[in-house]
Each structure stands twice: as C-alpha cells, then as structure tokens.
C-alpha cells in the first residue's frame, strides 16, 4: 500500500524546484535581474540539503516542524493548504503524510485519502468498511486514521523486511 520515504536526492530536488518556482522566479521577475539572485540560489541548494536531512531524519519533532514550515512558506494562501490529490505522491507529500498527516484538515475525501495512501477510492471505502480507517462525522476519512495506517504499514514492512535481511546476510557468511 504505502511506499518508503523518498530518497534524500528526490526530496532535495523537489525542494529546490519548489523554492525556485514559487519564490525565486517571481522575485527575479520583479527585480528584472537574474544575477542578483545567484547567491540566493546557492543558499537555497544548501538549505534544501538540510531540510531534506531534517525531514528524513530520526528526530520526529524536527521533521514535523520543518515540514510544516516548508508548506506554510511554499504554499501560502487565504484558504488553507489544500493540494490536489496527486501532490501526496510527490516526495514532499509522502514525507508530509508520514510526519504530519494533513496539516490543515481533520478529514479528507476518499479520493484524497486514496492519494495519500497510494490506493483507489474503492480501496479507501473498503478500509473504512473494515474499520481500518475512521469515517469523519462530516464526511470523508479522518486524517489521523490515514496517517496511522501509513505509519503502521511502514512499521509492518520494516519488521517483515528485517528477518529477510538477517537471513540473507547469514547465508552470505
């Protein structure tokens, strides 16, 4: 159902692209100059490395703080954060759903829950029917239950992979 966290390189690349498109390109247009932003672009590349390390690292609080800070900065708006369903399959989306869930919603539609989980709406409906995801009182699915499902799937995959890795390393010895 869910896949592992994205690689450091995939996440870093997306973060650099997002900052370029959402912040630097508009600033370049306003300033009418590319050269003024060269040092900023270098600094963004450095910071994107650090952000990716924080997002993928062991410190859950730092990862959550970094994810929320990036989303607030890169997706400002008056109507709250509401990305299209496909966003949840991007490297940042995958990190966000594991570390934070949905930062601005208690519930999401079956389509968005499916995108977050990497399954179809019908798959979400089946999980709700079987009690594996919680139905929200105002419709849709609770974001907490989606996040729990993803993190418990990650834990199960890690546990099932560990004995296989031990067995394969023992067979090589």
N, C-alpha and C. Protein backbone atom coordinates (compact mmCIF):
# COMPACT_ATOMS: atom_id res chain seq x y z
N UNK A 1 0.83 -1.19 0.00
CA UNK A 1 0.00 0.00 0.00
C UNK A 1 0.87 1.25 0.00
N UNK A 2 1.63 1.47 1.05
CA UNK A 2 2.45 2.68 1.09
C UNK A 2 3.87 2.31 0.75
N UNK A 3 4.58 3.26 0.21
CA UNK A 3 5.97 3.00 -0.09
C UNK A 3 6.82 3.70 0.95
N UNK A 4 8.10 3.41 0.92
CA UNK A 4 9.01 4.01 1.88
C UNK A 4 9.12 5.50 1.61
N UNK A 5 9.77 6.17 2.55
CA UNK A 5 10.04 7.59 2.35
C UNK A 5 10.88 7.77 1.09
N UNK A 6 10.76 8.92 0.46
CA UNK A 6 11.57 9.17 -0.74
C UNK A 6 13.05 9.25 -0.38
N UNK A 7 13.89 9.18 -1.38
CA UNK A 7 15.32 9.31 -1.14
C UNK A 7 15.66 10.77 -0.85
N UNK A 8 16.82 10.95 -0.25
CA UNK A 8 17.30 12.30 0.04
C UNK A 8 17.42 13.10 -1.26
N UNK A 9 17.93 12.49 -2.32
CA UNK A 9 18.11 13.20 -3.59
C UNK A 9 16.79 13.62 -4.22
N UNK A 10 15.79 12.73 -4.19
CA UNK A 10 14.47 13.06 -4.74
C UNK A 10 13.85 14.23 -3.98
N UNK A 11 13.94 14.17 -2.66
CA UNK A 11 13.34 15.22 -1.83
C UNK A 11 14.07 16.54 -2.01
N UNK A 12 15.39 16.51 -2.01
CA UNK A 12 16.19 17.73 -2.19
C UNK A 12 15.87 18.38 -3.53
N UNK A 13 15.79 17.57 -4.57
CA UNK A 13 15.49 18.10 -5.90
C UNK A 13 14.13 18.77 -5.94
N UNK A 14 13.11 18.13 -5.34
CA UNK A 14 11.79 18.74 -5.33
C UNK A 14 11.79 20.05 -4.53
N UNK A 15 12.47 20.06 -3.40
CA UNK A 15 12.51 21.28 -2.58
C UNK A 15 13.17 22.43 -3.33
N UNK A 16 14.27 22.16 -4.00
CA UNK A 16 14.94 23.21 -4.78
C UNK A 16 14.00 23.72 -5.87
N UNK A 17 13.37 22.79 -6.59
CA UNK A 17 12.44 23.19 -7.65
C UNK A 17 11.28 24.04 -7.11
N UNK A 18 10.73 23.64 -5.97
CA UNK A 18 9.62 24.40 -5.38
C UNK A 18 10.03 25.82 -5.00
N UNK A 19 11.17 25.95 -4.35
CA UNK A 19 11.64 27.29 -3.95
C UNK A 19 11.91 28.14 -5.19
N UNK A 20 12.52 27.53 -6.19
CA UNK A 20 12.80 28.27 -7.43
C UNK A 20 11.50 28.80 -8.06
N UNK A 21 10.53 27.89 -8.24
CA UNK A 21 9.29 28.25 -8.95
C UNK A 21 8.40 29.18 -8.12
N UNK A 22 8.28 28.90 -6.84
CA UNK A 22 7.32 29.63 -6.02
C UNK A 22 7.87 30.92 -5.42
N UNK A 23 9.19 31.00 -5.24
CA UNK A 23 9.76 32.18 -4.59
C UNK A 23 10.76 32.94 -5.47
N UNK A 24 11.75 32.23 -6.00
CA UNK A 24 12.83 32.93 -6.70
C UNK A 24 12.43 33.43 -8.09
N UNK A 25 11.72 32.62 -8.86
CA UNK A 25 11.31 33.07 -10.19
C UNK A 25 10.44 34.33 -10.13
N UNK A 26 9.44 34.39 -9.26
CA UNK A 26 8.66 35.63 -9.17
C UNK A 26 9.52 36.83 -8.72
N UNK A 27 10.45 36.57 -7.80
CA UNK A 27 11.32 37.66 -7.35
C UNK A 27 12.23 38.13 -8.49
N UNK A 28 12.71 37.21 -9.27
CA UNK A 28 13.54 37.54 -10.42
C UNK A 28 12.77 38.42 -11.40
N UNK A 29 11.50 38.12 -11.60
CA UNK A 29 10.66 38.92 -12.49
C UNK A 29 10.49 40.33 -11.93
N UNK A 30 10.24 40.42 -10.64
CA UNK A 30 10.06 41.73 -10.02
C UNK A 30 11.34 42.57 -10.06
N UNK A 31 12.48 41.92 -9.80
CA UNK A 31 13.75 42.64 -9.77
C UNK A 31 14.33 42.88 -11.16
N UNK A 32 13.77 42.19 -12.16
CA UNK A 32 14.22 42.29 -13.55
C UNK A 32 15.70 41.97 -13.70
N UNK A 33 16.16 40.96 -12.92
CA UNK A 33 17.57 40.61 -12.98
C UNK A 33 17.79 39.20 -12.44
N UNK A 34 18.53 38.40 -13.21
CA UNK A 34 18.89 37.07 -12.76
C UNK A 34 20.09 37.09 -11.84
N UNK A 35 21.04 37.95 -12.13
CA UNK A 35 22.32 37.93 -11.42
C UNK A 35 22.17 38.29 -9.94
N UNK A 36 21.19 39.10 -9.59
CA UNK A 36 21.01 39.49 -8.19
C UNK A 36 20.68 38.29 -7.30
N UNK A 37 20.14 37.22 -7.88
CA UNK A 37 19.70 36.09 -7.08
C UNK A 37 20.68 34.92 -7.07
N UNK A 38 21.81 35.04 -7.73
CA UNK A 38 22.78 33.94 -7.77
C UNK A 38 23.19 33.46 -6.38
N UNK A 39 23.54 34.36 -5.47
CA UNK A 39 23.92 33.88 -4.13
C UNK A 39 22.74 33.23 -3.39
N UNK A 40 21.55 33.72 -3.65
CA UNK A 40 20.36 33.15 -3.01
C UNK A 40 20.12 31.74 -3.52
N UNK A 41 20.29 31.53 -4.81
CA UNK A 41 20.11 30.20 -5.37
C UNK A 41 21.10 29.20 -4.76
N UNK A 42 22.32 29.62 -4.56
CA UNK A 42 23.32 28.74 -3.91
C UNK A 42 22.91 28.43 -2.49
N UNK A 43 22.44 29.43 -1.80
CA UNK A 43 22.00 29.23 -0.40
C UNK A 43 20.78 28.30 -0.34
N UNK A 44 19.86 28.43 -1.28
CA UNK A 44 18.69 27.55 -1.34
C UNK A 44 19.14 26.10 -1.51
N UNK A 45 20.11 25.85 -2.36
CA UNK A 45 20.61 24.48 -2.55
C UNK A 45 21.18 23.93 -1.24
N UNK A 46 21.92 24.75 -0.51
CA UNK A 46 22.47 24.33 0.79
C UNK A 46 21.34 24.02 1.78
N UNK A 47 20.40 24.92 1.85
CA UNK A 47 19.30 24.74 2.81
C UNK A 47 18.42 23.56 2.43
N UNK A 48 18.20 23.33 1.14
CA UNK A 48 17.39 22.19 0.71
C UNK A 48 18.02 20.89 1.19
N UNK A 49 19.36 20.82 1.15
CA UNK A 49 20.05 19.64 1.70
C UNK A 49 19.70 19.45 3.17
N UNK A 50 19.77 20.53 3.92
CA UNK A 50 19.49 20.47 5.37
C UNK A 50 18.02 20.15 5.63
N UNK A 51 17.12 20.75 4.86
CA UNK A 51 15.69 20.46 5.04
C UNK A 51 15.40 18.99 4.79
N UNK A 52 15.97 18.46 3.70
CA UNK A 52 15.74 17.04 3.38
C UNK A 52 16.28 16.14 4.48
N UNK A 53 17.45 16.45 5.00
CA UNK A 53 18.00 15.65 6.10
C UNK A 53 17.09 15.70 7.32
N UNK A 54 16.56 16.88 7.63
CA UNK A 54 15.65 17.01 8.78
C UNK A 54 14.35 16.24 8.54
N UNK A 55 13.81 16.34 7.34
CA UNK A 55 12.55 15.67 7.03
C UNK A 55 12.69 14.14 7.05
N UNK A 56 13.84 13.64 6.68
CA UNK A 56 14.05 12.20 6.61
C UNK A 56 14.73 11.63 7.85
N UNK A 57 15.14 12.51 8.76
CA UNK A 57 15.91 12.08 9.93
C UNK A 57 15.08 11.43 11.02
N UNK A 58 15.76 11.06 12.08
CA UNK A 58 15.15 10.36 13.21
C UNK A 58 14.35 11.27 14.15
N UNK A 59 14.67 12.56 14.17
CA UNK A 59 14.02 13.49 15.09
C UNK A 59 12.63 13.87 14.56
N UNK A 60 11.61 13.22 15.11
CA UNK A 60 10.22 13.43 14.64
C UNK A 60 9.78 14.89 14.79
N UNK A 61 10.11 15.50 15.92
CA UNK A 61 9.69 16.89 16.14
C UNK A 61 10.32 17.83 15.12
N UNK A 62 11.61 17.66 14.87
CA UNK A 62 12.29 18.49 13.87
C UNK A 62 11.70 18.25 12.49
N UNK A 63 11.41 16.99 12.16
CA UNK A 63 10.83 16.67 10.85
C UNK A 63 9.47 17.33 10.70
N UNK A 64 8.62 17.23 11.73
CA UNK A 64 7.28 17.85 11.67
C UNK A 64 7.39 19.37 11.54
N UNK A 65 8.24 19.97 12.36
CA UNK A 65 8.42 21.42 12.31
C UNK A 65 8.89 21.87 10.93
N UNK A 66 9.86 21.16 10.38
CA UNK A 66 10.40 21.50 9.06
C UNK A 66 9.35 21.34 7.98
N UNK A 67 8.59 20.26 8.02
CA UNK A 67 7.54 20.02 7.02
C UNK A 67 6.49 21.13 7.06
N UNK A 68 6.04 21.46 8.24
CA UNK A 68 5.01 22.50 8.37
C UNK A 68 5.55 23.85 7.93
N UNK A 69 6.77 24.17 8.31
CA UNK A 69 7.37 25.45 7.93
C UNK A 69 7.50 25.55 6.40
N UNK A 70 7.91 24.48 5.76
CA UNK A 70 8.04 24.49 4.30
C UNK A 70 6.68 24.67 3.62
N UNK A 71 5.68 23.95 4.08
CA UNK A 71 4.35 24.05 3.47
C UNK A 71 3.77 25.44 3.67
N UNK A 72 3.89 25.99 4.85
CA UNK A 72 3.37 27.33 5.11
C UNK A 72 4.06 28.37 4.22
N UNK A 73 5.36 28.21 4.02
CA UNK A 73 6.12 29.16 3.22
C UNK A 73 5.90 28.99 1.72
N UNK A 74 5.89 27.73 1.27
CA UNK A 74 5.83 27.47 -0.16
C UNK A 74 4.41 27.44 -0.73
N UNK A 75 3.42 27.29 0.15
CA UNK A 75 2.02 27.24 -0.30
C UNK A 75 1.17 28.22 0.51
N UNK A 76 1.52 29.52 0.46
CA UNK A 76 0.73 30.49 1.23
C UNK A 76 -0.64 30.68 0.59
N UNK A 77 -1.56 31.14 1.38
CA UNK A 77 -2.89 31.41 0.82
C UNK A 77 -3.87 31.75 1.92
N UNK A 78 -4.97 32.29 1.51
CA UNK A 78 -6.02 32.69 2.44
C UNK A 78 -6.99 31.55 2.75
N UNK A 79 -6.90 30.46 2.01
CA UNK A 79 -7.91 29.40 2.14
C UNK A 79 -7.36 28.12 2.73
N UNK A 80 -6.21 28.16 3.34
CA UNK A 80 -5.65 26.94 3.92
C UNK A 80 -4.99 26.07 2.87
N UNK A 81 -4.21 25.14 3.32
CA UNK A 81 -3.47 24.24 2.45
C UNK A 81 -4.39 23.14 1.94
N UNK A 82 -4.58 23.10 0.63
CA UNK A 82 -5.46 22.11 0.03
C UNK A 82 -4.87 21.67 -1.31
N UNK A 83 -3.82 20.83 -1.27
CA UNK A 83 -3.17 20.45 -2.52
C UNK A 83 -4.04 19.49 -3.32
N UNK A 84 -3.79 19.40 -4.62
CA UNK A 84 -4.51 18.41 -5.42
C UNK A 84 -4.10 17.00 -4.97
N UNK A 85 -4.96 16.01 -5.18
CA UNK A 85 -4.64 14.66 -4.71
C UNK A 85 -3.27 14.14 -5.14
N UNK A 86 -2.86 14.42 -6.36
CA UNK A 86 -1.57 13.92 -6.84
C UNK A 86 -0.37 14.44 -6.06
N UNK A 87 -0.52 15.58 -5.40
CA UNK A 87 0.60 16.15 -4.62
C UNK A 87 1.07 15.17 -3.55
N UNK A 88 0.17 14.38 -3.01
CA UNK A 88 0.53 13.48 -1.92
C UNK A 88 1.47 12.37 -2.36
N UNK A 89 1.61 12.17 -3.66
CA UNK A 89 2.54 11.16 -4.16
C UNK A 89 3.91 11.75 -4.50
N UNK A 90 4.09 13.06 -4.33
CA UNK A 90 5.40 13.68 -4.54
C UNK A 90 6.28 13.36 -3.34
N UNK A 91 7.59 13.54 -3.46
CA UNK A 91 8.46 13.30 -2.31
C UNK A 91 8.05 14.10 -1.06
N UNK A 92 7.78 15.40 -1.22
CA UNK A 92 7.37 16.20 -0.06
C UNK A 92 6.02 15.74 0.47
N UNK A 93 5.10 15.40 -0.42
CA UNK A 93 3.79 14.90 0.00
C UNK A 93 3.90 13.61 0.81
N UNK A 94 4.77 12.70 0.37
CA UNK A 94 4.96 11.45 1.10
C UNK A 94 5.56 11.68 2.49
N UNK A 95 6.49 12.61 2.57
CA UNK A 95 7.07 12.93 3.88
C UNK A 95 6.01 13.60 4.75
N UNK A 96 5.25 14.53 4.17
CA UNK A 96 4.24 15.26 4.93
C UNK A 96 3.21 14.31 5.53
N UNK A 97 2.71 13.38 4.74
CA UNK A 97 1.65 12.49 5.23
C UNK A 97 2.18 11.59 6.36
N UNK A 98 3.44 11.21 6.31
CA UNK A 98 4.00 10.36 7.35
C UNK A 98 4.34 11.15 8.61
N UNK A 99 4.85 12.35 8.43
CA UNK A 99 5.32 13.13 9.58
C UNK A 99 4.23 13.98 10.23
N UNK A 100 3.31 14.49 9.42
CA UNK A 100 2.32 15.45 9.93
C UNK A 100 0.89 14.98 9.69
N UNK A 101 0.67 14.22 8.63
CA UNK A 101 -0.69 13.97 8.18
C UNK A 101 -1.07 15.13 7.28
N UNK A 102 -2.29 15.54 7.32
CA UNK A 102 -2.71 16.74 6.57
C UNK A 102 -2.61 17.91 7.53
N UNK A 103 -1.77 18.90 7.23
CA UNK A 103 -1.54 19.98 8.20
C UNK A 103 -2.70 20.93 8.41
N UNK A 104 -3.73 20.86 7.55
CA UNK A 104 -4.79 21.85 7.65
C UNK A 104 -6.19 21.26 7.66
N UNK A 105 -6.31 19.94 7.77
CA UNK A 105 -7.65 19.35 7.70
C UNK A 105 -7.78 18.18 8.66
N UNK A 106 -8.93 18.10 9.32
CA UNK A 106 -9.25 16.96 10.17
C UNK A 106 -9.70 15.76 9.35
N UNK A 107 -10.31 16.05 8.19
CA UNK A 107 -10.78 14.98 7.33
C UNK A 107 -10.48 15.32 5.89
N UNK A 108 -10.43 14.26 5.08
CA UNK A 108 -10.21 14.42 3.65
C UNK A 108 -11.19 13.51 2.92
N UNK A 109 -11.43 13.80 1.66
CA UNK A 109 -12.31 12.97 0.84
C UNK A 109 -11.67 11.59 0.63
N UNK A 110 -12.47 10.65 0.18
CA UNK A 110 -11.95 9.32 -0.12
C UNK A 110 -10.88 9.41 -1.21
N UNK A 111 -11.06 10.32 -2.18
CA UNK A 111 -10.08 10.47 -3.26
C UNK A 111 -8.74 10.95 -2.72
N UNK A 112 -8.77 11.95 -1.83
CA UNK A 112 -7.53 12.46 -1.26
C UNK A 112 -6.90 11.41 -0.34
N UNK A 113 -7.71 10.75 0.47
CA UNK A 113 -7.19 9.68 1.33
C UNK A 113 -6.52 8.60 0.46
N UNK A 114 -7.15 8.27 -0.66
CA UNK A 114 -6.56 7.29 -1.56
C UNK A 114 -5.22 7.76 -2.11
N UNK A 115 -5.15 9.03 -2.48
CA UNK A 115 -3.88 9.58 -2.98
C UNK A 115 -2.82 9.56 -1.89
N UNK A 116 -3.20 9.89 -0.66
CA UNK A 116 -2.26 9.87 0.45
C UNK A 116 -1.73 8.45 0.69
N UNK A 117 -2.62 7.47 0.55
CA UNK A 117 -2.26 6.08 0.80
C UNK A 117 -1.69 5.37 -0.43
N UNK A 118 -1.88 5.95 -1.59
CA UNK A 118 -1.42 5.32 -2.81
C UNK A 118 -2.34 4.20 -3.28
N UNK A 119 -3.66 4.34 -2.98
CA UNK A 119 -4.65 3.34 -3.38
C UNK A 119 -5.84 4.05 -4.02
N UNK A 120 -6.81 3.29 -4.49
CA UNK A 120 -8.00 3.87 -5.12
C UNK A 120 -9.02 4.31 -4.07
N UNK A 121 -10.01 5.08 -4.52
CA UNK A 121 -11.12 5.46 -3.64
C UNK A 121 -11.85 4.22 -3.14
N UNK A 122 -11.99 3.23 -4.02
CA UNK A 122 -12.65 1.98 -3.61
C UNK A 122 -11.86 1.29 -2.51
N UNK A 123 -10.53 1.34 -2.63
CA UNK A 123 -9.68 0.78 -1.58
C UNK A 123 -9.90 1.47 -0.26
N UNK A 124 -10.04 2.80 -0.30
CA UNK A 124 -10.33 3.57 0.93
C UNK A 124 -11.68 3.14 1.49
N UNK A 125 -12.68 3.04 0.61
CA UNK A 125 -14.02 2.63 1.05
C UNK A 125 -13.95 1.26 1.74
N UNK A 126 -13.21 0.34 1.17
CA UNK A 126 -13.06 -0.99 1.77
C UNK A 126 -12.40 -0.91 3.15
N UNK A 127 -11.37 -0.06 3.28
CA UNK A 127 -10.70 0.09 4.57
C UNK A 127 -11.63 0.72 5.62
N UNK A 128 -12.46 1.65 5.19
CA UNK A 128 -13.44 2.26 6.10
C UNK A 128 -14.45 1.20 6.54
N UNK A 129 -14.96 0.43 5.59
CA UNK A 129 -15.95 -0.62 5.89
C UNK A 129 -15.38 -1.65 6.86
N UNK A 130 -14.11 -1.98 6.70
CA UNK A 130 -13.47 -2.97 7.58
C UNK A 130 -12.97 -2.37 8.89
N UNK A 131 -13.18 -1.05 9.08
CA UNK A 131 -12.77 -0.41 10.32
C UNK A 131 -11.29 -0.09 10.41
N UNK A 132 -10.59 -0.12 9.27
CA UNK A 132 -9.15 0.16 9.24
C UNK A 132 -8.87 1.66 9.10
N UNK A 133 -9.86 2.41 8.61
CA UNK A 133 -9.81 3.87 8.55
C UNK A 133 -11.08 4.39 9.21
N UNK A 134 -10.97 5.55 9.85
CA UNK A 134 -12.11 6.13 10.56
C UNK A 134 -12.87 7.10 9.66
N UNK A 135 -14.18 6.90 9.61
CA UNK A 135 -15.07 7.81 8.90
C UNK A 135 -15.19 9.09 9.75
N UNK A 136 -15.15 10.23 9.10
CA UNK A 136 -15.31 11.50 9.82
C UNK A 136 -16.79 11.84 9.89
N UNK A 137 -17.22 12.46 10.97
CA UNK A 137 -18.64 12.78 11.16
C UNK A 137 -19.21 13.69 10.08
N UNK A 138 -18.37 14.54 9.49
CA UNK A 138 -18.87 15.44 8.45
C UNK A 138 -18.59 14.91 7.05
N UNK A 139 -18.16 13.66 6.95
CA UNK A 139 -17.88 13.04 5.66
C UNK A 139 -16.40 12.80 5.46
N UNK A 140 -16.10 11.91 4.57
CA UNK A 140 -14.71 11.61 4.29
C UNK A 140 -14.08 10.73 5.36
N UNK A 141 -12.79 10.83 5.47
CA UNK A 141 -11.99 10.00 6.36
C UNK A 141 -11.14 10.91 7.23
N UNK A 142 -10.94 10.53 8.49
CA UNK A 142 -10.09 11.36 9.35
C UNK A 142 -8.64 11.27 8.89
N UNK A 143 -7.96 12.40 8.92
CA UNK A 143 -6.55 12.41 8.51
C UNK A 143 -5.69 11.65 9.52
N UNK A 144 -6.09 11.66 10.78
CA UNK A 144 -5.34 10.89 11.79
C UNK A 144 -5.33 9.40 11.44
N UNK A 145 -6.48 8.87 11.02
CA UNK A 145 -6.53 7.44 10.70
C UNK A 145 -5.72 7.12 9.44
N UNK A 146 -5.68 8.05 8.49
CA UNK A 146 -4.85 7.85 7.29
C UNK A 146 -3.38 7.81 7.70
N UNK A 147 -2.97 8.76 8.52
CA UNK A 147 -1.57 8.80 8.96
C UNK A 147 -1.23 7.54 9.77
N UNK A 148 -2.12 7.12 10.66
CA UNK A 148 -1.87 5.90 11.44
C UNK A 148 -1.70 4.70 10.52
N UNK A 149 -2.53 4.61 9.50
CA UNK A 149 -2.48 3.50 8.56
C UNK A 149 -1.13 3.48 7.84
N UNK A 150 -0.67 4.63 7.42
CA UNK A 150 0.60 4.71 6.70
C UNK A 150 1.76 4.36 7.62
N UNK A 151 1.78 4.94 8.81
CA UNK A 151 2.91 4.68 9.70
C UNK A 151 2.89 3.25 10.21
N UNK A 152 1.72 2.66 10.40
CA UNK A 152 1.68 1.25 10.83
C UNK A 152 2.08 0.34 9.68
N UNK A 153 1.76 0.71 8.43
CA UNK A 153 2.20 -0.07 7.27
C UNK A 153 3.71 -0.01 7.14
N UNK A 154 4.28 1.18 7.37
CA UNK A 154 5.74 1.33 7.32
C UNK A 154 6.40 0.44 8.37
N UNK A 155 5.82 0.41 9.57
CA UNK A 155 6.38 -0.40 10.66
C UNK A 155 6.28 -1.88 10.31
N UNK A 156 5.13 -2.30 9.75
CA UNK A 156 4.98 -3.71 9.37
C UNK A 156 5.98 -4.10 8.28
N UNK A 157 6.16 -3.21 7.29
CA UNK A 157 7.11 -3.50 6.21
C UNK A 157 8.52 -3.61 6.75
N UNK A 158 8.89 -2.73 7.69
CA UNK A 158 10.22 -2.76 8.28
C UNK A 158 10.42 -4.04 9.07
N UNK A 159 9.41 -4.43 9.86
CA UNK A 159 9.52 -5.67 10.66
C UNK A 159 9.62 -6.89 9.75
N UNK A 160 8.84 -6.94 8.68
CA UNK A 160 8.87 -8.12 7.81
C UNK A 160 10.14 -8.16 6.98
N UNK A 161 10.74 -7.02 6.71
CA UNK A 161 11.96 -6.97 5.93
C UNK A 161 13.17 -7.38 6.76
N UNK A 162 13.18 -7.07 8.05
CA UNK A 162 14.34 -7.33 8.91
C UNK A 162 14.71 -8.81 8.96
N UNK A 163 13.77 -9.74 9.18
CA UNK A 163 14.16 -11.16 9.20
C UNK A 163 14.73 -11.62 7.85
N UNK A 164 14.18 -11.12 6.74
CA UNK A 164 14.70 -11.50 5.43
C UNK A 164 16.12 -10.99 5.24
N UNK A 165 16.39 -9.75 5.70
CA UNK A 165 17.73 -9.19 5.56
C UNK A 165 18.72 -9.97 6.41
N UNK A 166 18.30 -10.35 7.65
CA UNK A 166 19.18 -11.14 8.51
C UNK A 166 19.47 -12.48 7.87
N UNK A 167 18.45 -13.14 7.32
CA UNK A 167 18.62 -14.44 6.70
C UNK A 167 19.56 -14.35 5.49
N UNK A 168 19.41 -13.30 4.70
CA UNK A 168 20.27 -13.20 3.53
C UNK A 168 21.70 -12.89 3.92
N UNK A 169 21.92 -12.13 5.00
CA UNK A 169 23.29 -11.85 5.43
C UNK A 169 23.92 -13.08 6.06
N UNK A 170 23.11 -13.92 6.73
CA UNK A 170 23.64 -15.14 7.30
C UNK A 170 24.02 -16.14 6.21
N UNK A 171 23.24 -16.17 5.12
CA UNK A 171 23.54 -17.11 4.04
C UNK A 171 24.81 -16.71 3.29
N UNK A 172 25.18 -15.44 3.35
CA UNK A 172 26.40 -14.99 2.69
C UNK A 172 27.64 -15.32 3.51
N UNK A 173 27.47 -15.55 4.80
CA UNK A 173 28.63 -15.77 5.67
C UNK A 173 29.21 -17.13 5.55
